[in-house]
Amino acid sequence: MPASDLPATLNSDTHTKQLPVVEGQLDNSFAAIDWQVPWLSHITQLSCISNTIERLSRSKSQRNSLDGSNDSEGLDNAKSLYEHDINASGINTPDTIAKVLKTAMTQQANHLEQPLPHTKPAHDHKSQTLQFVSQNALPGGEAYEHFIGTTGNIPTRDNLHDLFNSSIWLTFPKTKAVLNYYHMLEIEKQGISERRGRVRDTITVFDENGAVLVTSDASIGEALVDFDWQASLVKPRAKWDNPTQPDNSAQAAVYIFGHALLEQLVHPRKPLCAHSIVIHVAQEFFTLSLAERMRYLDDKVAEYMDTLLSNDDVKPRQLAPLPILGVPHFWAENANTGFYEDSYVFRNGRRKKDKK
């Protein structure tokens, strides 16, 4: 999606569609994830999640190779080892992803010595403890967001889309709860229809495709909003944090929020464009550990979205387009300034046109 193409609605959220899951295995799409890419580095419990998913993906490949073996005795022994490995882990399919993320969420809460995260109560509904559950738990005809808001249960399928959605719930639980809260308010006012309205459209665009620019240099954020790629991404490159080599003196970083964007980035393409917000921080933010940064940022993004979504004139257009592979240190090719001369991706943008 070119940088200036900001849709009024985004229909990539497919929670209502039940995708096929092969019993006892994860599909091949999970093996394609490169867990070392810089835009995944901020995911909470990344090591736990990635190691488990990689092991299950390898186990599937190993089982497939075993199924083609002519050594019947060796085949039986190897299959027994495979089944023992899966059963001993406490994780089996279907609903593998829900179980992986449930484990990661519990580990995180135990590590922080804090309770599991909760929903933000809307109307007469009480706060609910968040948990990942099978997609089959979602009653037919009930809105996905309403079900989460009233039960705390997050329906999760065994596919990439829901793996990344669950990972963002784990990383930004307060922000995700705020987004769900505003979905609940709008559902109460308008019911469920094909047209979601500006509030829910804005939530959906950010939830699916959002990113957060964090900066202690206000000029970088202003330049991004103005589609000034040179002043935001190129000239201040030395100020940008490198996720693989964090720098206490850095003044800008991007953290992806949108789970559909993370899914698309399994196969990176230059035109991929996030829709971002800018969070201004003190320089001390960049001296924090990654875990401390994310906990602080979850509070700040939740506050930002609460303010944004409570405005009567909110619309998706207020989210700033950001060609995601143009973020310094996200993609090796952007070290060459010529990378940003692609006018199809790095467009002048409608905001400058609107000012005329």
Protein backbone atom coordinates (compact mmCIF):
# COMPACT_ATOMS: atom_id res chain seq x y z
CA MET A 1 0.00 0.00 0.00
CA PRO A 2 1.57 3.31 -1.03
CA ALA A 3 2.16 5.81 1.75
CA SER A 4 -0.67 8.15 0.77
CA ASP A 5 -3.32 5.46 0.38
CA LEU A 6 -5.16 5.51 3.71
CA PRO A 7 -8.40 3.55 3.40
CA ALA A 8 -11.59 4.62 5.14
CA THR A 9 -12.10 1.04 6.21
CA LEU A 10 -9.89 -2.02 6.50
CA ASN A 11 -11.51 -5.41 6.10
CA SER A 12 -8.52 -7.67 6.79
CA ASP A 13 -9.84 -8.67 10.23
CA THR A 14 -11.25 -12.12 9.52
CA HIS A 15 -12.05 -13.42 13.00
CA THR A 16 -15.51 -14.40 11.87
CA LYS A 17 -14.08 -16.84 9.33
CA GLN A 18 -13.16 -20.27 10.60
CA LEU A 19 -10.04 -21.33 8.74
CA PRO A 20 -9.17 -25.02 8.45
CA VAL A 21 -6.70 -26.40 10.98
CA VAL A 22 -4.96 -29.73 10.41
CA GLU A 23 -5.25 -31.90 13.50
CA GLY A 24 -1.99 -32.43 15.31
CA GLN A 25 0.18 -29.95 13.40
CA LEU A 26 0.80 -26.33 12.52
CA ASP A 27 0.61 -25.45 8.84
CA ASN A 28 3.66 -24.55 6.77
CA SER A 29 3.15 -20.81 7.13
CA PHE A 30 4.66 -20.83 10.64
CA ALA A 31 7.97 -22.19 9.38
CA ALA A 32 8.35 -19.06 7.23
CA ILE A 33 8.63 -16.71 10.24
CA ASP A 34 12.07 -15.18 10.73
CA TRP A 35 12.05 -14.47 14.44
CA GLN A 36 15.28 -12.44 14.21
CA VAL A 37 13.83 -9.56 12.15
CA PRO A 38 14.09 -6.21 13.96
CA TRP A 39 10.36 -5.44 13.87
CA LEU A 40 9.59 -8.45 16.08
CA SER A 41 12.18 -7.64 18.75
CA HIS A 42 9.69 -5.82 21.01
CA ILE A 43 7.24 -8.73 21.35
CA THR A 44 6.87 -9.70 25.00
CA GLN A 45 7.98 -13.27 25.74
CA LEU A 46 9.45 -13.46 22.22
CA SER A 47 11.91 -16.19 23.13
CA CYS A 48 9.24 -18.40 24.69
CA ILE A 49 6.88 -17.95 21.75
CA SER A 50 9.46 -18.32 18.99
CA ASN A 51 11.15 -21.36 20.49
CA THR A 52 7.83 -23.16 20.90
CA ILE A 53 6.56 -22.30 17.42
CA GLU A 54 9.88 -23.25 15.82
CA ARG A 55 9.93 -26.57 17.66
CA LEU A 56 6.39 -27.41 16.61
CA SER A 57 7.15 -26.43 13.01
CA ARG A 58 10.26 -28.60 13.01
CA SER A 59 8.28 -31.43 14.55
CA LYS A 60 5.78 -31.23 11.71
CA SER A 61 8.54 -31.34 9.09
CA GLN A 62 10.19 -34.23 10.90
CA ARG A 63 6.90 -36.13 11.05
CA ASN A 64 6.28 -35.58 7.34
CA SER A 65 9.71 -36.94 6.54
CA LEU A 66 9.06 -39.88 8.82
CA ASP A 67 5.80 -40.65 7.03
CA GLY A 68 7.77 -41.16 3.82
CA SER A 69 10.33 -43.48 5.38
CA ASN A 70 10.70 -47.15 4.39
CA ASP A 71 12.29 -48.11 7.70
CA SER A 72 9.22 -49.35 9.59
CA GLU A 73 11.02 -50.03 12.88
CA GLY A 74 12.85 -46.71 12.82
CA LEU A 75 9.62 -45.00 11.80
CA ASP A 76 7.72 -46.36 14.79
CA ASN A 77 10.49 -45.39 17.21
CA ALA A 78 10.82 -41.88 15.81
CA LYS A 79 7.06 -41.31 15.82
CA SER A 80 6.94 -42.39 19.45
CA LEU A 81 9.63 -39.84 20.30
CA TYR A 82 7.74 -37.16 18.35
CA GLU A 83 4.45 -37.88 20.13
CA HIS A 84 6.21 -37.91 23.51
CA ASP A 85 7.82 -34.54 22.76
CA ILE A 86 4.49 -32.92 21.86
CA ASN A 87 2.55 -34.47 24.75
CA ALA A 88 5.25 -33.63 27.29
CA SER A 89 5.11 -29.99 26.26
CA GLY A 90 1.47 -29.74 27.27
CA ILE A 91 0.72 -28.27 23.85
CA ASN A 92 -1.27 -30.08 21.20
CA THR A 93 -3.54 -29.10 18.36
CA PRO A 94 -6.13 -27.86 17.66
CA ASP A 95 -5.85 -24.55 19.56
CA THR A 96 -2.06 -24.73 19.69
CA ILE A 97 -1.58 -20.98 19.37
CA ALA A 98 -4.04 -20.24 22.17
CA LYS A 99 -2.11 -22.60 24.43
CA VAL A 100 1.29 -21.18 23.45
CA LEU A 101 0.19 -17.62 24.20
CA LYS A 102 -1.68 -18.63 27.35
CA THR A 103 1.56 -20.11 28.65
CA ALA A 104 3.53 -17.00 27.66
CA MET A 105 0.98 -14.71 29.35
CA THR A 106 1.08 -16.72 32.56
CA GLN A 107 4.88 -16.75 32.56
CA GLN A 108 4.95 -12.99 32.07
CA ALA A 109 2.52 -12.38 34.94
CA ASN A 110 4.52 -14.67 37.22
CA HIS A 111 7.76 -12.95 36.24
CA LEU A 112 6.33 -9.52 37.06
CA GLU A 113 4.52 -10.88 40.12
CA GLN A 114 1.37 -9.26 38.81
CA PRO A 115 -2.13 -10.55 38.00
CA LEU A 116 -3.08 -11.34 34.43
CA PRO A 117 -4.21 -8.29 32.42
CA HIS A 118 -7.89 -7.33 32.37
CA THR A 119 -10.44 -5.82 30.04
CA LYS A 120 -11.58 -2.22 30.45
CA PRO A 121 -15.21 -2.54 31.58
CA ALA A 122 -17.85 -0.93 29.37
CA HIS A 123 -21.46 -0.24 30.40
CA ASP A 124 -22.55 -2.63 33.13
CA HIS A 125 -19.94 -5.26 32.29
CA LYS A 126 -17.31 -6.01 34.92
CA SER A 127 -13.58 -6.15 34.29
CA GLN A 128 -12.62 -9.59 33.02
CA THR A 129 -9.31 -11.43 33.19
CA LEU A 130 -7.89 -11.77 29.68
CA GLN A 131 -7.16 -15.25 28.38
CA PHE A 132 -6.62 -16.94 25.03
CA VAL A 133 -9.19 -19.57 24.12
CA SER A 134 -10.28 -21.66 21.15
CA GLN A 135 -12.07 -19.93 18.29
CA ASN A 136 -14.83 -22.49 18.92
CA ALA A 137 -15.59 -20.70 22.21
CA LEU A 138 -17.02 -17.75 20.25
CA PRO A 139 -20.81 -18.28 20.07
CA GLY A 140 -22.32 -18.11 16.62
CA GLY A 141 -23.62 -14.65 15.79
CA GLU A 142 -21.82 -12.88 18.65
CA ALA A 143 -19.40 -10.07 17.78
CA TYR A 144 -15.78 -10.96 18.41
CA GLU A 145 -15.12 -7.73 20.32
CA HIS A 146 -18.27 -8.05 22.44
CA PHE A 147 -17.29 -11.58 23.44
CA ILE A 148 -13.86 -10.39 24.60
CA GLY A 149 -15.35 -7.46 26.49
CA THR A 150 -17.89 -9.55 28.38
CA THR A 151 -15.81 -12.67 29.06
CA GLY A 152 -12.13 -11.68 28.77
CA ASN A 153 -11.68 -14.63 26.41
CA ILE A 154 -9.79 -13.92 23.18
CA PRO A 155 -10.82 -16.42 20.45
CA THR A 156 -7.64 -17.63 18.78
CA ARG A 157 -7.17 -19.76 15.67
CA ASP A 158 -4.10 -21.67 14.58
CA ASN A 159 -2.94 -19.24 11.91
CA LEU A 160 -0.40 -16.46 11.52
CA HIS A 161 -2.99 -13.70 11.84
CA ASP A 162 -4.06 -14.82 15.29
CA LEU A 163 -0.51 -15.66 16.41
CA PHE A 164 0.49 -12.04 15.85
CA ASN A 165 -2.78 -10.69 17.24
CA SER A 166 -2.24 -12.67 20.43
CA SER A 167 1.39 -11.51 20.58
CA ILE A 168 0.23 -7.88 20.48
CA TRP A 169 -2.33 -8.56 23.23
CA LEU A 170 0.59 -9.87 25.27
CA THR A 171 2.79 -6.85 24.47
CA PHE A 172 0.21 -4.03 24.66
CA PRO A 173 -2.56 -5.45 26.90
CA LYS A 174 -3.79 -2.08 28.18
CA THR A 175 -3.92 -0.55 24.72
CA LYS A 176 -5.72 -3.54 23.23
CA ALA A 177 -8.20 -3.40 26.12
CA VAL A 178 -8.86 0.29 25.37
CA LEU A 179 -9.50 -0.49 21.70
CA ASN A 180 -11.89 -3.26 22.68
CA TYR A 181 -13.62 -0.88 25.12
CA TYR A 182 -14.39 1.58 22.33
CA HIS A 183 -15.60 -1.24 20.10
CA MET A 184 -17.99 -2.15 22.90
CA LEU A 185 -19.26 1.42 23.23
CA GLU A 186 -19.91 1.67 19.50
CA ILE A 187 -21.59 -1.74 19.35
CA GLU A 188 -23.89 -0.65 22.17
CA LYS A 189 -24.81 2.56 20.30
CA GLN A 190 -25.01 1.27 16.73
CA GLY A 191 -25.29 -2.50 16.90
CA ILE A 192 -23.51 -4.72 14.39
CA SER A 193 -23.66 -3.80 10.72
CA GLU A 194 -21.48 -3.78 7.62
CA ARG A 195 -20.64 -0.11 8.25
CA ARG A 196 -18.63 0.24 11.44
CA GLY A 197 -18.50 4.03 11.61
CA ARG A 198 -15.49 6.31 12.00
CA VAL A 199 -14.56 5.23 15.53
CA ARG A 200 -14.50 1.52 14.77
CA ASP A 201 -12.86 2.13 11.38
CA THR A 202 -10.06 4.02 13.13
CA ILE A 203 -9.67 1.25 15.70
CA THR A 204 -9.54 -1.38 12.96
CA VAL A 205 -6.94 0.43 10.87
CA PHE A 206 -4.66 0.91 13.89
CA ASP A 207 -5.31 -2.54 15.33
CA GLU A 208 -4.56 -4.28 12.04
CA ASN A 209 -1.95 -1.99 10.54
CA GLY A 210 -0.71 0.39 13.23
CA ALA A 211 2.75 1.42 14.35
CA VAL A 212 4.04 3.66 17.11
CA LEU A 213 6.80 6.20 16.51
CA VAL A 214 8.43 7.01 19.83
CA THR A 215 10.72 10.02 19.80
CA SER A 216 12.36 12.57 22.07
CA ASP A 217 12.94 14.83 19.04
CA ALA A 218 9.65 16.51 18.16
CA SER A 219 10.89 17.46 14.69
CA ILE A 220 11.09 13.79 13.66
CA GLY A 221 7.44 13.19 14.54
CA GLU A 222 6.34 16.42 12.85
CA ALA A 223 8.22 15.51 9.69
CA LEU A 224 6.63 12.06 9.58
CA VAL A 225 3.13 13.52 9.85
CA ASP A 226 4.01 15.96 7.04
CA PHE A 227 5.24 13.15 4.74
CA ASP A 228 8.75 14.64 4.90
CA TRP A 229 10.67 11.43 4.58
CA GLN A 230 14.06 13.14 4.37
CA ALA A 231 13.58 14.99 7.66
CA SER A 232 12.02 12.04 9.47
CA LEU A 233 13.83 8.95 8.20
CA VAL A 234 16.93 9.94 6.21
CA LYS A 235 18.75 12.97 7.63
CA PRO A 236 18.30 12.05 11.32
CA ARG A 237 19.24 8.40 10.72
CA ALA A 238 21.98 8.58 13.37
CA LYS A 239 19.29 9.39 15.96
CA TRP A 240 17.31 6.21 15.29
CA ASP A 241 17.59 3.25 17.62
CA ASN A 242 18.85 -0.01 16.18
CA PRO A 243 16.74 -2.87 17.62
CA THR A 244 19.69 -5.27 17.35
CA GLN A 245 22.06 -2.83 19.10
CA PRO A 246 20.00 -0.56 21.39
CA ASP A 247 21.57 2.85 21.98
CA ASN A 248 20.94 4.88 25.13
CA SER A 249 21.54 8.06 23.14
CA ALA A 250 18.93 7.22 20.48
CA GLN A 251 16.04 9.61 19.96
CA ALA A 252 13.58 7.67 17.80
CA ALA A 253 12.23 4.15 17.38
CA VAL A 254 9.23 2.44 15.81
CA TYR A 255 7.29 -0.42 17.37
CA ILE A 256 4.70 -2.24 15.27
CA PHE A 257 1.24 -2.63 16.77
CA GLY A 258 -0.77 -3.97 13.83
CA HIS A 259 -1.01 -7.74 13.75
CA ALA A 260 -2.05 -7.91 10.08
CA LEU A 261 1.03 -5.85 9.24
CA LEU A 262 3.23 -8.30 11.14
CA GLU A 263 1.60 -11.14 9.21
CA GLN A 264 2.32 -9.39 5.89
CA LEU A 265 5.93 -8.79 6.96
CA VAL A 266 6.55 -12.52 7.08
CA HIS A 267 7.13 -11.88 3.38
CA PRO A 268 8.44 -8.27 3.35
CA ARG A 269 7.59 -5.96 0.43
CA LYS A 270 8.75 -2.41 0.03
CA PRO A 271 5.23 -0.91 -0.50
CA LEU A 272 3.94 -2.17 2.86
CA CYS A 273 2.72 0.86 4.80
CA ALA A 274 1.84 1.20 8.47
CA HIS A 275 -0.54 3.80 9.88
CA SER A 276 1.11 5.36 12.85
CA ILE A 277 0.80 7.57 15.89
CA VAL A 278 3.60 9.63 17.43
CA ILE A 279 4.40 9.35 21.13
CA HIS A 280 6.74 12.00 22.53
CA VAL A 281 9.01 10.87 25.35
CA ALA A 282 11.87 12.21 27.41
CA GLN A 283 15.36 11.13 26.40
CA GLU A 284 15.46 8.83 29.45
CA PHE A 285 13.03 6.49 27.68
CA PHE A 286 15.88 5.17 25.56
CA THR A 287 17.95 4.29 28.63
CA LEU A 288 15.28 1.80 29.76
CA SER A 289 15.44 -1.92 29.14
CA LEU A 290 13.22 -3.19 26.33
CA ALA A 291 10.73 -4.69 28.80
CA GLU A 292 10.56 -1.39 30.71
CA ARG A 293 10.11 0.52 27.45
CA MET A 294 7.16 -1.64 26.42
CA ARG A 295 5.39 -1.40 29.79
CA TYR A 296 5.80 2.38 29.75
CA LEU A 297 4.72 2.59 26.13
CA ASP A 298 1.61 0.47 26.69
CA ASP A 299 0.45 3.03 29.26
CA LYS A 300 1.18 5.94 26.92
CA VAL A 301 -0.40 4.42 23.82
CA ALA A 302 -3.49 3.42 25.81
CA GLU A 303 -3.83 7.04 26.99
CA TYR A 304 -3.27 8.37 23.47
CA MET A 305 -5.89 6.08 21.92
CA ASP A 306 -8.36 6.82 24.73
CA THR A 307 -8.08 10.53 23.92
CA LEU A 308 -8.16 10.04 20.16
CA LEU A 309 -11.16 7.71 20.11
CA SER A 310 -13.20 9.85 22.48
CA ASN A 311 -13.19 12.72 19.96
CA ASP A 312 -16.34 13.07 17.87
CA ASP A 313 -14.33 13.86 14.73
CA VAL A 314 -11.97 10.87 14.93
CA LYS A 315 -11.22 9.22 11.60
CA PRO A 316 -8.60 6.81 10.18
CA ARG A 317 -7.08 9.70 8.23
CA GLN A 318 -5.58 10.97 11.49
CA LEU A 319 -3.13 8.08 11.51
CA ALA A 320 0.13 8.98 9.76
CA PRO A 321 1.21 6.67 6.89
CA LEU A 322 4.69 5.17 7.36
CA PRO A 323 6.34 2.90 4.74
CA ILE A 324 7.50 0.37 7.28
CA LEU A 325 10.64 -0.89 5.54
CA GLY A 326 11.82 2.72 5.43
CA VAL A 327 12.31 2.73 9.21
CA PRO A 328 16.08 3.00 9.78
CA HIS A 329 17.65 -0.37 10.67
CA PHE A 330 14.49 -2.31 9.75
CA TRP A 331 15.71 -3.19 6.26
CA ALA A 332 19.31 -3.36 5.02
CA GLU A 333 18.52 -1.66 1.71
CA ASN A 334 17.39 1.57 3.39
CA ALA A 335 20.99 2.30 4.43
CA ASN A 336 21.28 3.63 0.85
CA THR A 337 19.51 6.99 0.58
CA GLY A 338 18.40 6.02 -2.92
CA PHE A 339 15.92 3.63 -1.25
CA TYR A 340 13.75 6.64 -0.38
CA GLU A 341 13.66 8.01 -3.93
CA ASP A 342 10.89 5.58 -4.92
CA SER A 343 8.00 8.01 -5.42
CA TYR A 344 5.45 5.19 -5.60
CA VAL A 345 6.15 4.29 -1.97
CA PHE A 346 7.47 7.55 -0.50
CA ARG A 347 4.84 9.94 -1.83
CA ASN A 348 4.41 13.62 -1.12
CA GLY A 349 1.12 12.89 0.62
CA ARG A 350 -2.26 14.52 0.71
CA ARG A 351 -1.56 16.59 3.85
CA LYS A 352 0.70 18.96 1.92
CA LYS A 353 -1.98 19.21 -0.74
CA ASP A 354 -4.59 19.95 1.93
CA LYS A 355 -2.51 22.90 3.22
CA LYS A 356 -2.57 24.68 -0.14
